[in-house]
């Protein structure tokens, strides 16, 4: 995919890997980079278009898709890990992980896929999604593993 001259959107771009993706897209010549976060006022990347997007809120997803319009690249980076074991006392944090990592990413993908004219979708995962090395990581792994197979 040609980055130079492209229009991209990065979820979870207020810090960490999402911020690095947004900065790299600008450095490689993307014309417009929408850097999204639940709290866009925390985005401090010169040259991006900060945009509110809570991937667990369908109204927020719809509003962002309407504002952005057509897109060349969608980077699904937003995610959470709560260290919740699948067989722990509560499923509350496991539900949060699935609402964010699985359902949130799926809803964002469904909202923006029709707006990609020959573009690409990058679903960000980590090695922790392939290998649950402890009971505290198996909820995260279960919520993220679909990304590696979603579009095969």
C-alpha atoms as a PDB file:
ATOM      1  CA  UNK A   1       0.000   0.000   0.000  1.00  0.00           C
ATOM      2  CA  UNK A   2       1.180   3.518  -0.841  1.00  0.00           C
ATOM      3  CA  UNK A   3       1.422   5.608   2.369  1.00  0.00           C
ATOM      4  CA  UNK A   4       2.516   8.822   0.670  1.00  0.00           C
ATOM      5  CA  UNK A   5      -0.565  10.895  -0.095  1.00  0.00           C
ATOM      6  CA  UNK A   6      -2.899   8.591   1.833  1.00  0.00           C
ATOM      7  CA  UNK A   7      -5.660   9.338   4.340  1.00  0.00           C
ATOM      8  CA  UNK A   8      -5.373   7.206   7.488  1.00  0.00           C
ATOM      9  CA  UNK A   9      -7.100   6.702  10.818  1.00  0.00           C
ATOM     10  CA  UNK A  10      -5.415   5.245  13.907  1.00  0.00           C
ATOM     11  CA  UNK A  11      -7.443   4.146  16.930  1.00  0.00           C
ATOM     12  CA  UNK A  12      -5.915   4.542  20.380  1.00  0.00           C
ATOM     13  CA  UNK A  13      -3.419   7.130  19.128  1.00  0.00           C
ATOM     14  CA  UNK A  14      -2.994   9.140  22.303  1.00  0.00           C
ATOM     15  CA  UNK A  15      -0.006   7.114  23.532  1.00  0.00           C
ATOM     16  CA  UNK A  16       2.188   4.075  23.000  1.00  0.00           C
ATOM     17  CA  UNK A  17       2.057   2.115  19.776  1.00  0.00           C
ATOM     18  CA  UNK A  18      -0.931   4.060  18.406  1.00  0.00           C
ATOM     19  CA  UNK A  19       0.950   7.334  18.785  1.00  0.00           C
ATOM     20  CA  UNK A  20       3.977   5.762  17.071  1.00  0.00           C
ATOM     21  CA  UNK A  21       1.794   4.580  14.164  1.00  0.00           C
ATOM     22  CA  UNK A  22       0.329   8.074  13.707  1.00  0.00           C
ATOM     23  CA  UNK A  23       3.780   9.688  13.806  1.00  0.00           C
ATOM     24  CA  UNK A  24       5.181   7.133  11.337  1.00  0.00           C
ATOM     25  CA  UNK A  25       2.304   7.685   8.899  1.00  0.00           C
ATOM     26  CA  UNK A  26       2.971  11.430   8.914  1.00  0.00           C
ATOM     27  CA  UNK A  27       6.714  10.873   8.493  1.00  0.00           C
ATOM     28  CA  UNK A  28       6.039   8.661   5.468  1.00  0.00           C
ATOM     29  CA  UNK A  29       3.887  11.266   3.748  1.00  0.00           C
ATOM     30  CA  UNK A  30       0.302  10.513   4.677  1.00  0.00           C
ATOM     31  CA  UNK A  31      -1.712  13.596   3.740  1.00  0.00           C
ATOM     32  CA  UNK A  32      -4.246  13.258   6.557  1.00  0.00           C
ATOM     33  CA  UNK A  33      -3.888  11.224   9.732  1.00  0.00           C
ATOM     34  CA  UNK A  34      -6.845  11.042  12.082  1.00  0.00           C
ATOM     35  CA  UNK A  35      -5.451  10.248  15.527  1.00  0.00           C
ATOM     36  CA  UNK A  36      -8.306   8.987  17.646  1.00  0.00           C
ATOM     37  CA  UNK A  37      -8.849   8.483  21.360  1.00  0.00           C
ATOM     38  CA  UNK A  38     -11.650   8.583  23.894  1.00  0.00           C
ATOM     39  CA  UNK A  39     -10.055  11.797  25.106  1.00  0.00           C
ATOM     40  CA  UNK A  40      -8.672  13.545  22.006  1.00  0.00           C
ATOM     41  CA  UNK A  41      -7.367  16.430  24.114  1.00  0.00           C
ATOM     42  CA  UNK A  42      -4.598  14.040  25.213  1.00  0.00           C
ATOM     43  CA  UNK A  43      -3.303  13.686  21.633  1.00  0.00           C
ATOM     44  CA  UNK A  44      -0.122  15.737  21.276  1.00  0.00           C
ATOM     45  CA  UNK A  45       1.097  14.841  17.796  1.00  0.00           C
ATOM     46  CA  UNK A  46       1.751  17.854  15.556  1.00  0.00           C
ATOM     47  CA  UNK A  47       0.148  17.491  12.132  1.00  0.00           C
ATOM     48  CA  UNK A  48      -2.600  14.985  12.949  1.00  0.00           C
ATOM     49  CA  UNK A  49      -6.327  15.606  13.122  1.00  0.00           C
ATOM     50  CA  UNK A  50      -7.354  14.649  16.667  1.00  0.00           C
ATOM     51  CA  UNK A  51     -10.730  12.939  16.730  1.00  0.00           C
ATOM     52  CA  UNK A  52     -12.884  11.555  19.542  1.00  0.00           C
ATOM     53  CA  UNK A  53     -13.503   7.842  19.122  1.00  0.00           C
ATOM     54  CA  UNK A  54     -14.541   5.414  21.823  1.00  0.00           C
ATOM     55  CA  UNK A  55     -14.542   2.041  20.101  1.00  0.00           C
ATOM     56  CA  UNK A  56     -16.960   0.658  22.695  1.00  0.00           C
ATOM     57  CA  UNK A  57     -19.605   3.251  21.798  1.00  0.00           C
ATOM     58  CA  UNK A  58     -21.450   2.754  18.482  1.00  0.00           C
ATOM     59  CA  UNK A  59     -22.617   6.398  18.385  1.00  0.00           C
ATOM     60  CA  UNK A  60     -18.995   7.521  18.708  1.00  0.00           C
ATOM     61  CA  UNK A  61     -17.943   5.148  15.915  1.00  0.00           C
ATOM     62  CA  UNK A  62     -20.729   6.382  13.644  1.00  0.00           C
ATOM     63  CA  UNK A  63     -19.857  10.035  14.314  1.00  0.00           C
ATOM     64  CA  UNK A  64     -16.178   9.445  13.525  1.00  0.00           C
ATOM     65  CA  UNK A  65     -17.005   7.559  10.318  1.00  0.00           C
ATOM     66  CA  UNK A  66     -19.308  10.360   9.190  1.00  0.00           C
ATOM     67  CA  UNK A  67     -16.657  13.001   9.882  1.00  0.00           C
ATOM     68  CA  UNK A  68     -13.796  11.112   8.220  1.00  0.00           C
ATOM     69  CA  UNK A  69     -15.578   9.922   5.076  1.00  0.00           C
ATOM     70  CA  UNK A  70     -13.433   7.963   2.619  1.00  0.00           C
ATOM     71  CA  UNK A  71     -10.215   6.454   3.909  1.00  0.00           C
ATOM     72  CA  UNK A  72      -7.143   4.665   2.566  1.00  0.00           C
ATOM     73  CA  UNK A  73      -5.858   3.004   5.741  1.00  0.00           C
ATOM     74  CA  UNK A  74      -7.504   1.972   9.006  1.00  0.00           C
ATOM     75  CA  UNK A  75      -5.189   1.027  11.880  1.00  0.00           C
ATOM     76  CA  UNK A  76      -7.157  -0.776  14.598  1.00  0.00           C
ATOM     77  CA  UNK A  77      -4.767  -0.259  17.484  1.00  0.00           C
ATOM     78  CA  UNK A  78      -6.990   0.523  20.495  1.00  0.00           C
ATOM     79  CA  UNK A  79      -7.192  -2.238  23.051  1.00  0.00           C
ATOM     80  CA  UNK A  80      -7.033  -3.083  26.733  1.00  0.00           C
ATOM     81  CA  UNK A  81      -5.605  -5.770  28.954  1.00  0.00           C
ATOM     82  CA  UNK A  82      -6.967  -6.191  32.478  1.00  0.00           C
ATOM     83  CA  UNK A  83      -5.049  -9.312  33.563  1.00  0.00           C
ATOM     84  CA  UNK A  84      -8.381 -11.020  34.125  1.00  0.00           C
ATOM     85  CA  UNK A  85      -8.212 -14.833  34.192  1.00  0.00           C
ATOM     86  CA  UNK A  86     -11.021 -16.598  32.354  1.00  0.00           C
ATOM     87  CA  UNK A  87     -11.684 -18.786  35.381  1.00  0.00           C
ATOM     88  CA  UNK A  88     -11.406 -15.999  37.962  1.00  0.00           C
ATOM     89  CA  UNK A  89     -14.097 -14.923  40.397  1.00  0.00           C
ATOM     90  CA  UNK A  90     -15.541 -12.225  38.134  1.00  0.00           C
ATOM     91  CA  UNK A  91     -16.144 -11.866  34.406  1.00  0.00           C
ATOM     92  CA  UNK A  92     -16.455  -8.052  34.533  1.00  0.00           C
ATOM     93  CA  UNK A  93     -12.933  -7.332  33.260  1.00  0.00           C
ATOM     94  CA  UNK A  94     -13.103 -10.142  30.706  1.00  0.00           C
ATOM     95  CA  UNK A  95     -16.282  -8.527  29.379  1.00  0.00           C
ATOM     96  CA  UNK A  96     -14.431  -5.161  29.167  1.00  0.00           C
ATOM     97  CA  UNK A  97     -11.632  -6.823  27.190  1.00  0.00           C
ATOM     98  CA  UNK A  98     -14.061  -8.423  24.745  1.00  0.00           C
ATOM     99  CA  UNK A  99     -16.147  -5.232  24.440  1.00  0.00           C
ATOM    100  CA  UNK A 100     -12.994  -3.355  23.484  1.00  0.00           C
ATOM    101  CA  UNK A 101     -10.676  -5.826  21.763  1.00  0.00           C
ATOM    102  CA  UNK A 102     -13.239  -7.924  19.938  1.00  0.00           C
ATOM    103  CA  UNK A 103     -16.545  -6.064  19.589  1.00  0.00           C
ATOM    104  CA  UNK A 104     -15.077  -2.552  19.478  1.00  0.00           C
ATOM    105  CA  UNK A 105     -12.551  -3.434  16.805  1.00  0.00           C
ATOM    106  CA  UNK A 106     -15.178  -5.331  14.816  1.00  0.00           C
ATOM    107  CA  UNK A 107     -17.620  -2.390  14.940  1.00  0.00           C
ATOM    108  CA  UNK A 108     -14.910   0.057  13.839  1.00  0.00           C
ATOM    109  CA  UNK A 109     -13.913  -2.265  10.999  1.00  0.00           C
ATOM    110  CA  UNK A 110     -17.537  -2.618   9.861  1.00  0.00           C
ATOM    111  CA  UNK A 111     -18.042   1.164   9.949  1.00  0.00           C
ATOM    112  CA  UNK A 112     -14.931   2.017   7.945  1.00  0.00           C
ATOM    113  CA  UNK A 113     -14.524  -0.963   5.566  1.00  0.00           C
ATOM    114  CA  UNK A 114     -17.121   0.397   3.092  1.00  0.00           C
ATOM    115  CA  UNK A 115     -15.163   3.686   3.050  1.00  0.00           C
ATOM    116  CA  UNK A 116     -11.888   2.054   1.981  1.00  0.00           C
ATOM    117  CA  UNK A 117     -11.461   2.437  -1.746  1.00  0.00           C
ATOM    118  CA  UNK A 118      -8.770  -0.163  -2.392  1.00  0.00           C
ATOM    119  CA  UNK A 119      -7.177   0.614   0.962  1.00  0.00           C
ATOM    120  CA  UNK A 120      -6.085  -1.574   3.839  1.00  0.00           C
ATOM    121  CA  UNK A 121      -6.991  -2.494   7.393  1.00  0.00           C
ATOM    122  CA  UNK A 122      -4.288  -3.237   9.933  1.00  0.00           C
ATOM    123  CA  UNK A 123      -5.447  -5.021  13.107  1.00  0.00           C
ATOM    124  CA  UNK A 124      -2.794  -4.651  15.794  1.00  0.00           C
ATOM    125  CA  UNK A 125      -2.221  -7.630  18.069  1.00  0.00           C
ATOM    126  CA  UNK A 126       0.625  -8.780  20.277  1.00  0.00           C
ATOM    127  CA  UNK A 127       2.396 -12.058  20.928  1.00  0.00           C
ATOM    128  CA  UNK A 128       0.309 -12.263  24.096  1.00  0.00           C
ATOM    129  CA  UNK A 129      -2.700 -12.986  21.895  1.00  0.00           C
ATOM    130  CA  UNK A 130      -1.015 -16.082  20.462  1.00  0.00           C
ATOM    131  CA  UNK A 131       0.337 -17.495  23.676  1.00  0.00           C
ATOM    132  CA  UNK A 132      -1.284 -17.082  27.068  1.00  0.00           C
ATOM    133  CA  UNK A 133       1.718 -17.534  29.340  1.00  0.00           C
ATOM    134  CA  UNK A 134      -0.281 -17.190  32.549  1.00  0.00           C
ATOM    135  CA  UNK A 135      -3.903 -17.479  33.672  1.00  0.00           C
ATOM    136  CA  UNK A 136      -3.910 -13.668  34.051  1.00  0.00           C
ATOM    137  CA  UNK A 137      -3.421 -13.212  30.304  1.00  0.00           C
ATOM    138  CA  UNK A 138      -5.846 -15.754  28.878  1.00  0.00           C
ATOM    139  CA  UNK A 139      -8.820 -13.315  28.785  1.00  0.00           C
ATOM    140  CA  UNK A 140      -6.783 -10.876  26.704  1.00  0.00           C
ATOM    141  CA  UNK A 141      -5.569 -13.669  24.415  1.00  0.00           C
ATOM    142  CA  UNK A 142      -9.111 -14.877  23.821  1.00  0.00           C
ATOM    143  CA  UNK A 143     -10.336 -11.365  22.987  1.00  0.00           C
ATOM    144  CA  UNK A 144      -7.523 -10.575  20.532  1.00  0.00           C
ATOM    145  CA  UNK A 145      -6.749 -13.815  18.697  1.00  0.00           C
ATOM    146  CA  UNK A 146      -9.483 -13.307  16.075  1.00  0.00           C
ATOM    147  CA  UNK A 147      -7.543 -10.362  14.623  1.00  0.00           C
ATOM    148  CA  UNK A 148      -4.903 -12.642  13.157  1.00  0.00           C
ATOM    149  CA  UNK A 149      -7.534 -14.640  11.268  1.00  0.00           C
ATOM    150  CA  UNK A 150     -10.318 -12.135  10.659  1.00  0.00           C
ATOM    151  CA  UNK A 151      -9.700 -11.481   6.982  1.00  0.00           C
ATOM    152  CA  UNK A 152      -7.964 -14.681   5.884  1.00  0.00           C
END
